[in-house]
Amino acid sequence: MIILYVLENCPYCNRALQLLSSNKIKYSSIIVKNTDEEKIFYKKQNQMSSFPQIFMQINNDNYMKIGGCDDLQEILEYCVSIKSANVSVDSIYNMYKLLYRK
């Protein structure tokens, strides 16, 4: 499951949601009010400076930061390339590798 913190009317947030929907990936979005107070709170809480803020659920209690819309798109393209190459691998494992190589 992917968790997104999104701002209303944010083009990058909308793009991230569209990427997940078009790839049939389950997600849950949390709408952040577009006020300075709300944005500052979530930026501090999630240690990210922009929106969307995207996380992948690892297990019931743990999440891993994916990043923003561009990071999500890079991961999805990587997973699609692996799938089209008919490589038999665990996509979550490859997502880990991609995220941690940065």
PDB file of N, CA and C in Angstrom:
ATOM      1  N   MET A   1       0.848  -1.178   0.000  1.00  0.00           N
ATOM      2  CA  MET A   1       0.000   0.000   0.000  1.00  0.00           C
ATOM      3  C   MET A   1       0.893   1.239   0.000  1.00  0.00           C
ATOM      4  N   ILE A   2       0.495   2.222  -0.786  1.00  0.00           N
ATOM      5  CA  ILE A   2       1.196   3.492  -0.868  1.00  0.00           C
ATOM      6  C   ILE A   2       0.364   4.536  -0.129  1.00  0.00           C
ATOM      7  N   ILE A   3       1.031   5.357   0.665  1.00  0.00           N
ATOM      8  CA  ILE A   3       0.378   6.444   1.393  1.00  0.00           C
ATOM      9  C   ILE A   3       0.911   7.754   0.830  1.00  0.00           C
ATOM     10  N   LEU A   4       0.008   8.671   0.496  1.00  0.00           N
ATOM     11  CA  LEU A   4       0.404   9.972  -0.035  1.00  0.00           C
ATOM     12  C   LEU A   4      -0.183  11.086   0.817  1.00  0.00           C
ATOM     13  N   TYR A   5       0.621  12.082   1.096  1.00  0.00           N
ATOM     14  CA  TYR A   5       0.151  13.331   1.689  1.00  0.00           C
ATOM     15  C   TYR A   5       0.097  14.307   0.523  1.00  0.00           C
ATOM     16  N   VAL A   6      -1.101  14.796   0.214  1.00  0.00           N
ATOM     17  CA  VAL A   6      -1.280  15.629  -0.968  1.00  0.00           C
ATOM     18  C   VAL A   6      -1.936  16.961  -0.610  1.00  0.00           C
ATOM     19  N   LEU A   7      -1.580  17.989  -1.371  1.00  0.00           N
ATOM     20  CA  LEU A   7      -2.219  19.295  -1.251  1.00  0.00           C
ATOM     21  C   LEU A   7      -3.330  19.387  -2.286  1.00  0.00           C
ATOM     22  N   GLU A   8      -4.392  20.087  -1.940  1.00  0.00           N
ATOM     23  CA  GLU A   8      -5.470  20.312  -2.899  1.00  0.00           C
ATOM     24  C   GLU A   8      -4.931  21.145  -4.062  1.00  0.00           C
ATOM     25  N   ASN A   9      -5.341  20.808  -5.263  1.00  0.00           N
ATOM     26  CA  ASN A   9      -4.986  21.547  -6.480  1.00  0.00           C
ATOM     27  C   ASN A   9      -3.486  21.610  -6.749  1.00  0.00           C
ATOM     28  N   CYS A  10      -2.748  20.627  -6.300  1.00  0.00           N
ATOM     29  CA  CYS A  10      -1.306  20.555  -6.545  1.00  0.00           C
ATOM     30  C   CYS A  10      -1.081  19.685  -7.789  1.00  0.00           C
ATOM     31  N   PRO A  11      -0.465  20.232  -8.842  1.00  0.00           N
ATOM     32  CA  PRO A  11      -0.291  19.437 -10.063  1.00  0.00           C
ATOM     33  C   PRO A  11       0.594  18.204  -9.857  1.00  0.00           C
ATOM     34  N   TYR A  12       1.613  18.289  -9.015  1.00  0.00           N
ATOM     35  CA  TYR A  12       2.478  17.139  -8.755  1.00  0.00           C
ATOM     36  C   TYR A  12       1.730  16.067  -7.960  1.00  0.00           C
ATOM     37  N   CYS A  13       0.889  16.500  -7.037  1.00  0.00           N
ATOM     38  CA  CYS A  13       0.077  15.558  -6.266  1.00  0.00           C
ATOM     39  C   CYS A  13      -0.909  14.847  -7.181  1.00  0.00           C
ATOM     40  N   ASN A  14      -1.559  15.603  -8.049  1.00  0.00           N
ATOM     41  CA  ASN A  14      -2.511  15.012  -8.995  1.00  0.00           C
ATOM     42  C   ASN A  14      -1.813  14.038  -9.932  1.00  0.00           C
ATOM     43  N   ARG A  15      -0.613  14.371 -10.366  1.00  0.00           N
ATOM     44  CA  ARG A  15       0.149  13.483 -11.253  1.00  0.00           C
ATOM     45  C   ARG A  15       0.490  12.176 -10.535  1.00  0.00           C
ATOM     46  N   ALA A  16       0.911  12.260  -9.273  1.00  0.00           N
ATOM     47  CA  ALA A  16       1.237  11.061  -8.500  1.00  0.00           C
ATOM     48  C   ALA A  16       0.012  10.169  -8.334  1.00  0.00           C
ATOM     49  N   LEU A  17      -1.121  10.761  -8.039  1.00  0.00           N
ATOM     50  CA  LEU A  17      -2.360   9.992  -7.897  1.00  0.00           C
ATOM     51  C   LEU A  17      -2.732   9.317  -9.213  1.00  0.00           C
ATOM     52  N   GLN A  18      -2.549  10.036 -10.324  1.00  0.00           N
ATOM     53  CA  GLN A  18      -2.856   9.482 -11.647  1.00  0.00           C
ATOM     54  C   GLN A  18      -1.917   8.330 -11.977  1.00  0.00           C
ATOM     55  N   LEU A  19      -0.630   8.459 -11.645  1.00  0.00           N
ATOM     56  CA  LEU A  19       0.332   7.381 -11.892  1.00  0.00           C
ATOM     57  C   LEU A  19      -0.070   6.103 -11.154  1.00  0.00           C
ATOM     58  N   LEU A  20      -0.460   6.261  -9.900  1.00  0.00           N
ATOM     59  CA  LEU A  20      -0.850   5.086  -9.108  1.00  0.00           C
ATOM     60  C   LEU A  20      -2.128   4.461  -9.657  1.00  0.00           C
ATOM     61  N   SER A  21      -3.099   5.296  -9.975  1.00  0.00           N
ATOM     62  CA  SER A  21      -4.368   4.780 -10.510  1.00  0.00           C
ATOM     63  C   SER A  21      -4.157   4.062 -11.834  1.00  0.00           C
ATOM     64  N   SER A  22      -3.390   4.662 -12.735  1.00  0.00           N
ATOM     65  CA  SER A  22      -3.204   4.061 -14.054  1.00  0.00           C
ATOM     66  C   SER A  22      -2.401   2.765 -13.991  1.00  0.00           C
ATOM     67  N   ASN A  23      -1.589   2.605 -12.932  1.00  0.00           N
ATOM     68  CA  ASN A  23      -0.819   1.372 -12.751  1.00  0.00           C
ATOM     69  C   ASN A  23      -1.524   0.388 -11.813  1.00  0.00           C
ATOM     70  N   LYS A  24      -2.765   0.728 -11.427  1.00  0.00           N
ATOM     71  CA  LYS A  24      -3.590  -0.125 -10.572  1.00  0.00           C
ATOM     72  C   LYS A  24      -2.884  -0.501  -9.268  1.00  0.00           C
ATOM     73  N   ILE A  25      -2.272   0.506  -8.646  1.00  0.00           N
ATOM     74  CA  ILE A  25      -1.575   0.318  -7.372  1.00  0.00           C
ATOM     75  C   ILE A  25      -2.461   0.872  -6.269  1.00  0.00           C
ATOM     76  N   LYS A  26      -2.671   0.072  -5.224  1.00  0.00           N
ATOM     77  CA  LYS A  26      -3.494   0.503  -4.103  1.00  0.00           C
ATOM     78  C   LYS A  26      -2.791   1.633  -3.358  1.00  0.00           C
ATOM     79  N   TYR A  27      -3.581   2.650  -3.006  1.00  0.00           N
ATOM     80  CA  TYR A  27      -3.022   3.767  -2.268  1.00  0.00           C
ATOM     81  C   TYR A  27      -4.090   4.387  -1.382  1.00  0.00           C
ATOM     82  N   SER A  28      -3.605   5.160  -0.436  1.00  0.00           N
ATOM     83  CA  SER A  28      -4.474   5.946   0.419  1.00  0.00           C
ATOM     84  C   SER A  28      -3.899   7.358   0.433  1.00  0.00           C
ATOM     85  N   SER A  29      -4.759   8.347   0.227  1.00  0.00           N
ATOM     86  CA  SER A  29      -4.262   9.719   0.221  1.00  0.00           C
ATOM     87  C   SER A  29      -4.810  10.493   1.410  1.00  0.00           C
ATOM     88  N   ILE A  30      -3.956  11.319   1.944  1.00  0.00           N
ATOM     89  CA  ILE A  30      -4.320  12.191   3.061  1.00  0.00           C
ATOM     90  C   ILE A  30      -4.241  13.613   2.529  1.00  0.00           C
ATOM     91  N   ILE A  31      -5.377  14.311   2.537  1.00  0.00           N
ATOM     92  CA  ILE A  31      -5.435  15.672   2.016  1.00  0.00           C
ATOM     93  C   ILE A  31      -4.916  16.632   3.086  1.00  0.00           C
ATOM     94  N   VAL A  32      -3.902  17.406   2.722  1.00  0.00           N
ATOM     95  CA  VAL A  32      -3.327  18.415   3.613  1.00  0.00           C
ATOM     96  C   VAL A  32      -3.897  19.766   3.189  1.00  0.00           C
ATOM     97  N   LYS A  33      -4.454  20.494   4.142  1.00  0.00           N
ATOM     98  CA  LYS A  33      -4.992  21.815   3.826  1.00  0.00           C
ATOM     99  C   LYS A  33      -3.857  22.722   3.369  1.00  0.00           C
ATOM    100  N   ASN A  34      -4.143  23.525   2.387  1.00  0.00           N
ATOM    101  CA  ASN A  34      -3.124  24.390   1.799  1.00  0.00           C
ATOM    102  C   ASN A  34      -2.945  25.672   2.621  1.00  0.00           C
ATOM    103  N   THR A  35      -2.609  25.458   3.900  1.00  0.00           N
ATOM    104  CA  THR A  35      -2.307  26.588   4.788  1.00  0.00           C
ATOM    105  C   THR A  35      -0.865  26.449   5.248  1.00  0.00           C
ATOM    106  N   ASP A  36      -0.248  27.560   5.591  1.00  0.00           N
ATOM    107  CA  ASP A  36       1.147  27.514   6.039  1.00  0.00           C
ATOM    108  C   ASP A  36       1.306  26.611   7.258  1.00  0.00           C
ATOM    109  N   GLU A  37       0.369  26.701   8.183  1.00  0.00           N
ATOM    110  CA  GLU A  37       0.434  25.900   9.409  1.00  0.00           C
ATOM    111  C   GLU A  37       0.422  24.401   9.107  1.00  0.00           C
ATOM    112  N   GLU A  38      -0.500  23.964   8.250  1.00  0.00           N
ATOM    113  CA  GLU A  38      -0.592  22.538   7.897  1.00  0.00           C
ATOM    114  C   GLU A  38       0.649  22.079   7.133  1.00  0.00           C
ATOM    115  N   LYS A  39       1.081  22.877   6.153  1.00  0.00           N
ATOM    116  CA  LYS A  39       2.238  22.487   5.352  1.00  0.00           C
ATOM    117  C   LYS A  39       3.487  22.381   6.216  1.00  0.00           C
ATOM    118  N   ILE A  40       3.689  23.323   7.116  1.00  0.00           N
ATOM    119  CA  ILE A  40       4.855  23.283   8.011  1.00  0.00           C
ATOM    120  C   ILE A  40       4.800  22.046   8.889  1.00  0.00           C
ATOM    121  N   PHE A  41       3.629  21.709   9.419  1.00  0.00           N
ATOM    122  CA  PHE A  41       3.484  20.533  10.275  1.00  0.00           C
ATOM    123  C   PHE A  41       3.905  19.264   9.544  1.00  0.00           C
ATOM    124  N   TYR A  42       3.359  19.049   8.335  1.00  0.00           N
ATOM    125  CA  TYR A  42       3.667  17.808   7.610  1.00  0.00           C
ATOM    126  C   TYR A  42       5.090  17.787   7.074  1.00  0.00           C
ATOM    127  N   LYS A  43       5.627  18.938   6.737  1.00  0.00           N
ATOM    128  CA  LYS A  43       7.024  18.983   6.295  1.00  0.00           C
ATOM    129  C   LYS A  43       7.950  18.560   7.433  1.00  0.00           C
ATOM    130  N   LYS A  44       7.668  19.040   8.644  1.00  0.00           N
ATOM    131  CA  LYS A  44       8.480  18.641   9.807  1.00  0.00           C
ATOM    132  C   LYS A  44       8.249  17.182  10.171  1.00  0.00           C
ATOM    133  N   GLN A  45       6.992  16.771  10.211  1.00  0.00           N
ATOM    134  CA  GLN A  45       6.653  15.405  10.616  1.00  0.00           C
ATOM    135  C   GLN A  45       7.298  14.380   9.688  1.00  0.00           C
ATOM    136  N   ASN A  46       7.234  14.622   8.382  1.00  0.00           N
ATOM    137  CA  ASN A  46       7.707  13.642   7.405  1.00  0.00           C
ATOM    138  C   ASN A  46       9.114  13.928   6.895  1.00  0.00           C
ATOM    139  N   GLN A  47       9.716  15.008   7.378  1.00  0.00           N
ATOM    140  CA  GLN A  47      11.070  15.405   6.990  1.00  0.00           C
ATOM    141  C   GLN A  47      11.213  15.527   5.479  1.00  0.00           C
ATOM    142  N   MET A  48      10.231  16.174   4.867  1.00  0.00           N
ATOM    143  CA  MET A  48      10.240  16.416   3.419  1.00  0.00           C
ATOM    144  C   MET A  48       9.865  17.875   3.194  1.00  0.00           C
ATOM    145  N   SER A  49      10.385  18.463   2.130  1.00  0.00           N
ATOM    146  CA  SER A  49      10.188  19.896   1.922  1.00  0.00           C
ATOM    147  C   SER A  49       9.100  20.252   0.914  1.00  0.00           C
ATOM    148  N   SER A  50       8.524  19.249   0.234  1.00  0.00           N
ATOM    149  CA  SER A  50       7.516  19.548  -0.771  1.00  0.00           C
ATOM    150  C   SER A  50       6.432  18.475  -0.773  1.00  0.00           C
ATOM    151  N   PHE A  51       5.460  18.663  -1.652  1.00  0.00           N
ATOM    152  CA  PHE A  51       4.352  17.726  -1.790  1.00  0.00           C
ATOM    153  C   PHE A  51       4.262  17.270  -3.233  1.00  0.00           C
ATOM    154  N   PRO A  52       3.800  16.049  -3.478  1.00  0.00           N
ATOM    155  CA  PRO A  52       3.285  15.085  -2.516  1.00  0.00           C
ATOM    156  C   PRO A  52       4.412  14.455  -1.705  1.00  0.00           C
ATOM    157  N   GLN A  53       4.033  13.906  -0.584  1.00  0.00           N
ATOM    158  CA  GLN A  53       4.948  13.141   0.260  1.00  0.00           C
ATOM    159  C   GLN A  53       4.457  11.700   0.191  1.00  0.00           C
ATOM    160  N   ILE A  54       5.292  10.830  -0.387  1.00  0.00           N
ATOM    161  CA  ILE A  54       4.842   9.480  -0.720  1.00  0.00           C
ATOM    162  C   ILE A  54       5.642   8.446   0.070  1.00  0.00           C
ATOM    163  N   PHE A  55       4.909   7.495   0.662  1.00  0.00           N
ATOM    164  CA  PHE A  55       5.507   6.441   1.471  1.00  0.00           C
ATOM    165  C   PHE A  55       4.956   5.092   1.036  1.00  0.00           C
ATOM    166  N   MET A  56       5.772   4.050   1.169  1.00  0.00           N
ATOM    167  CA  MET A  56       5.339   2.689   0.876  1.00  0.00           C
ATOM    168  C   MET A  56       5.251   1.934   2.194  1.00  0.00           C
ATOM    169  N   GLN A  57       4.125   1.272   2.414  1.00  0.00           N
ATOM    170  CA  GLN A  57       3.947   0.479   3.624  1.00  0.00           C
ATOM    171  C   GLN A  57       4.742  -0.815   3.497  1.00  0.00           C
ATOM    172  N   ILE A  58       5.622  -1.050   4.465  1.00  0.00           N
ATOM    173  CA  ILE A  58       6.461  -2.240   4.470  1.00  0.00           C
ATOM    174  C   ILE A  58       5.771  -3.375   5.221  1.00  0.00           C
ATOM    175  N   ASN A  59       5.213  -3.058   6.367  1.00  0.00           N
ATOM    176  CA  ASN A  59       4.413  -4.009   7.138  1.00  0.00           C
ATOM    177  C   ASN A  59       3.399  -3.197   7.936  1.00  0.00           C
ATOM    178  N   ASN A  60       2.734  -3.797   8.887  1.00  0.00           N
ATOM    179  CA  ASN A  60       1.662  -3.101   9.604  1.00  0.00           C
ATOM    180  C   ASN A  60       2.097  -1.797  10.258  1.00  0.00           C
ATOM    181  N   ASP A  61       3.329  -1.732  10.735  1.00  0.00           N
ATOM    182  CA  ASP A  61       3.771  -0.570  11.504  1.00  0.00           C
ATOM    183  C   ASP A  61       4.854   0.264  10.848  1.00  0.00           C
ATOM    184  N   ASN A  62       5.389  -0.160   9.714  1.00  0.00           N
ATOM    185  CA  ASN A  62       6.541   0.527   9.139  1.00  0.00           C
ATOM    186  C   ASN A  62       6.289   1.000   7.713  1.00  0.00           C
ATOM    187  N   TYR A  63       6.788   2.199   7.452  1.00  0.00           N
ATOM    188  CA  TYR A  63       6.679   2.811   6.139  1.00  0.00           C
ATOM    189  C   TYR A  63       8.057   3.268   5.687  1.00  0.00           C
ATOM    190  N   MET A  64       8.277   3.254   4.383  1.00  0.00           N
ATOM    191  CA  MET A  64       9.536   3.706   3.823  1.00  0.00           C
ATOM    192  C   MET A  64       9.240   4.899   2.917  1.00  0.00           C
ATOM    193  N   LYS A  65      10.040   5.952   3.044  1.00  0.00           N
ATOM    194  CA  LYS A  65       9.840   7.140   2.234  1.00  0.00           C
ATOM    195  C   LYS A  65      10.222   6.854   0.785  1.00  0.00           C
ATOM    196  N   ILE A  66       9.306   7.138  -0.129  1.00  0.00           N
ATOM    197  CA  ILE A  66       9.594   7.069  -1.556  1.00  0.00           C
ATOM    198  C   ILE A  66      10.095   8.417  -2.028  1.00  0.00           C
ATOM    199  N   GLY A  67       9.442   9.474  -1.606  1.00  0.00           N
ATOM    200  CA  GLY A  67       9.820  10.823  -2.013  1.00  0.00           C
ATOM    201  C   GLY A  67       8.637  11.538  -2.614  1.00  0.00           C
ATOM    202  N   GLY A  68       8.880  12.207  -3.742  1.00  0.00           N
ATOM    203  CA  GLY A  68       7.834  12.958  -4.404  1.00  0.00           C
ATOM    204  C   GLY A  68       7.374  12.291  -5.685  1.00  0.00           C
ATOM    205  N   CYS A  69       6.705  13.059  -6.519  1.00  0.00           N
ATOM    206  CA  CYS A  69       6.126  12.542  -7.755  1.00  0.00           C
ATOM    207  C   CYS A  69       7.200  12.007  -8.705  1.00  0.00           C
ATOM    208  N   ASP A  70       8.301  12.740  -8.872  1.00  0.00           N
ATOM    209  CA  ASP A  70       9.368  12.287  -9.773  1.00  0.00           C
ATOM    210  C   ASP A  70       9.985  10.980  -9.295  1.00  0.00           C
ATOM    211  N   ASP A  71      10.150  10.838  -7.984  1.00  0.00           N
ATOM    212  CA  ASP A  71      10.700   9.596  -7.424  1.00  0.00           C
ATOM    213  C   ASP A  71       9.754   8.426  -7.674  1.00  0.00           C
ATOM    214  N   LEU A  72       8.462   8.664  -7.493  1.00  0.00           N
ATOM    215  CA  LEU A  72       7.466   7.625  -7.749  1.00  0.00           C
ATOM    216  C   LEU A  72       7.502   7.210  -9.218  1.00  0.00           C
ATOM    217  N   GLN A  73       7.558   8.180 -10.110  1.00  0.00           N
ATOM    218  CA  GLN A  73       7.590   7.869 -11.537  1.00  0.00           C
ATOM    219  C   GLN A  73       8.836   7.052 -11.890  1.00  0.00           C
ATOM    220  N   GLU A  74       9.971   7.402 -11.312  1.00  0.00           N
ATOM    221  CA  GLU A  74      11.207   6.658 -11.573  1.00  0.00           C
ATOM    222  C   GLU A  74      11.088   5.206 -11.109  1.00  0.00           C
ATOM    223  N   ILE A  75      10.514   5.003  -9.943  1.00  0.00           N
ATOM    224  CA  ILE A  75      10.349   3.646  -9.423  1.00  0.00           C
ATOM    225  C   ILE A  75       9.405   2.842 -10.307  1.00  0.00           C
ATOM    226  N   LEU A  76       8.287   3.451 -10.689  1.00  0.00           N
ATOM    227  CA  LEU A  76       7.327   2.740 -11.535  1.00  0.00           C
ATOM    228  C   LEU A  76       7.939   2.381 -12.892  1.00  0.00           C
ATOM    229  N   GLU A  77       8.695   3.286 -13.478  1.00  0.00           N
ATOM    230  CA  GLU A  77       9.353   2.990 -14.756  1.00  0.00           C
ATOM    231  C   GLU A  77      10.361   1.852 -14.598  1.00  0.00           C
ATOM    232  N   TYR A  78      11.057   1.847 -13.488  1.00  0.00           N
ATOM    233  CA  TYR A  78      12.029   0.784 -13.217  1.00  0.00           C
ATOM    234  C   TYR A  78      11.314  -0.565 -13.106  1.00  0.00           C
ATOM    235  N   CYS A  79      10.208  -0.587 -12.378  1.00  0.00           N
ATOM    236  CA  CYS A  79       9.458  -1.838 -12.212  1.00  0.00           C
ATOM    237  C   CYS A  79       8.874  -2.307 -13.539  1.00  0.00           C
ATOM    238  N   VAL A  80       8.399  -1.390 -14.368  1.00  0.00           N
ATOM    239  CA  VAL A  80       7.861  -1.753 -15.675  1.00  0.00           C
ATOM    240  C   VAL A  80       8.963  -2.323 -16.557  1.00  0.00           C
ATOM    241  N   SER A  81      10.162  -1.739 -16.507  1.00  0.00           N
ATOM    242  CA  SER A  81      11.263  -2.248 -17.335  1.00  0.00           C
ATOM    243  C   SER A  81      11.664  -3.650 -16.915  1.00  0.00           C
ATOM    244  N   ILE A  82      11.624  -3.919 -15.625  1.00  0.00           N
ATOM    245  CA  ILE A  82      11.941  -5.269 -15.131  1.00  0.00           C
ATOM    246  C   ILE A  82      10.875  -6.254 -15.609  1.00  0.00           C
ATOM    247  N   LYS A  83       9.613  -5.838 -15.504  1.00  0.00           N
ATOM    248  CA  LYS A  83       8.521  -6.713 -15.918  1.00  0.00           C
ATOM    249  C   LYS A  83       8.594  -6.998 -17.428  1.00  0.00           C
ATOM    250  N   SER A  84       8.854  -5.972 -18.225  1.00  0.00           N
ATOM    251  CA  SER A  84       8.905  -6.171 -19.672  1.00  0.00           C
ATOM    252  C   SER A  84      10.114  -6.989 -20.100  1.00  0.00           C
ATOM    253  N   ALA A  85      11.143  -7.036 -19.264  1.00  0.00           N
ATOM    254  CA  ALA A  85      12.330  -7.845 -19.559  1.00  0.00           C
ATOM    255  C   ALA A  85      12.134  -9.300 -19.132  1.00  0.00           C
ATOM    256  N   ASN A  86      10.962  -9.594 -18.573  1.00  0.00           N
ATOM    257  CA  ASN A  86      10.648 -10.943 -18.096  1.00  0.00           C
ATOM    258  C   ASN A  86      11.652 -11.458 -17.069  1.00  0.00           C
ATOM    259  N   VAL A  87      12.131 -10.554 -16.242  1.00  0.00           N
ATOM    260  CA  VAL A  87      13.042 -10.936 -15.168  1.00  0.00           C
ATOM    261  C   VAL A  87      12.198 -11.364 -13.981  1.00  0.00           C
ATOM    262  N   SER A  88      12.463 -12.537 -13.446  1.00  0.00           N
ATOM    263  CA  SER A  88      11.693 -13.045 -12.321  1.00  0.00           C
ATOM    264  C   SER A  88      12.302 -12.530 -11.021  1.00  0.00           C
ATOM    265  N   VAL A  89      11.777 -11.409 -10.554  1.00  0.00           N
ATOM    266  CA  VAL A  89      12.289 -10.792  -9.328  1.00  0.00           C
ATOM    267  C   VAL A  89      11.127 -10.255  -8.510  1.00  0.00           C
ATOM    268  N   ASP A  90      11.391 -10.007  -7.256  1.00  0.00           N
ATOM    269  CA  ASP A  90      10.406  -9.423  -6.360  1.00  0.00           C
ATOM    270  C   ASP A  90      10.430  -7.903  -6.551  1.00  0.00           C
ATOM    271  N   SER A  91       9.333  -7.311  -6.985  1.00  0.00           N
ATOM    272  CA  SER A  91       9.323  -5.880  -7.293  1.00  0.00           C
ATOM    273  C   SER A  91       9.585  -5.023  -6.059  1.00  0.00           C
ATOM    274  N   ILE A  92       9.132  -5.464  -4.898  1.00  0.00           N
ATOM    275  CA  ILE A  92       9.392  -4.691  -3.683  1.00  0.00           C
ATOM    276  C   ILE A  92      10.885  -4.686  -3.388  1.00  0.00           C
ATOM    277  N   TYR A  93      11.551  -5.813  -3.595  1.00  0.00           N
ATOM    278  CA  TYR A  93      12.995  -5.863  -3.407  1.00  0.00           C
ATOM    279  C   TYR A  93      13.684  -4.860  -4.334  1.00  0.00           C
ATOM    280  N   ASN A  94      13.264  -4.799  -5.570  1.00  0.00           N
ATOM    281  CA  ASN A  94      13.863  -3.865  -6.520  1.00  0.00           C
ATOM    282  C   ASN A  94      13.531  -2.421  -6.166  1.00  0.00           C
ATOM    283  N   MET A  95      12.356  -2.185  -5.603  1.00  0.00           N
ATOM    284  CA  MET A  95      12.029  -0.839  -5.146  1.00  0.00           C
ATOM    285  C   MET A  95      12.982  -0.436  -4.024  1.00  0.00           C
ATOM    286  N   TYR A  96      13.261  -1.357  -3.116  1.00  0.00           N
ATOM    287  CA  TYR A  96      14.236  -1.085  -2.054  1.00  0.00           C
ATOM    288  C   TYR A  96      15.593  -0.722  -2.644  1.00  0.00           C
ATOM    289  N   LYS A  97      16.052  -1.526  -3.587  1.00  0.00           N
ATOM    290  CA  LYS A  97      17.356  -1.291  -4.197  1.00  0.00           C
ATOM    291  C   LYS A  97      17.405   0.083  -4.863  1.00  0.00           C
ATOM    292  N   LEU A  98      16.360   0.421  -5.576  1.00  0.00           N
ATOM    293  CA  LEU A  98      16.324   1.702  -6.257  1.00  0.00           C
ATOM    294  C   LEU A  98      16.337   2.849  -5.255  1.00  0.00           C
ATOM    295  N   LEU A  99      15.547   2.743  -4.207  1.00  0.00           N
ATOM    296  CA  LEU A  99      15.468   3.811  -3.227  1.00  0.00           C
ATOM    297  C   LEU A  99      16.771   3.981  -2.452  1.00  0.00           C
ATOM    298  N   TYR A 100      17.407   2.883  -2.095  1.00  0.00           N
ATOM    299  CA  TYR A 100      18.583   2.977  -1.252  1.00  0.00           C
ATOM    300  C   TYR A 100      19.871   3.248  -2.027  1.00  0.00           C
ATOM    301  N   ARG A 101      19.826   3.214  -3.341  1.00  0.00           N
ATOM    302  CA  ARG A 101      21.044   3.508  -4.094  1.00  0.00           C
ATOM    303  C   ARG A 101      21.304   5.005  -4.134  1.00  0.00           C
ATOM    304  N   LYS A 102      20.319   5.799  -3.781  1.00  0.00           N
ATOM    305  CA  LYS A 102      20.453   7.264  -3.830  1.00  0.00           C
ATOM    306  C   LYS A 102      21.240   7.762  -2.644  1.00  0.00           C
TER     307      LYS A 102
END
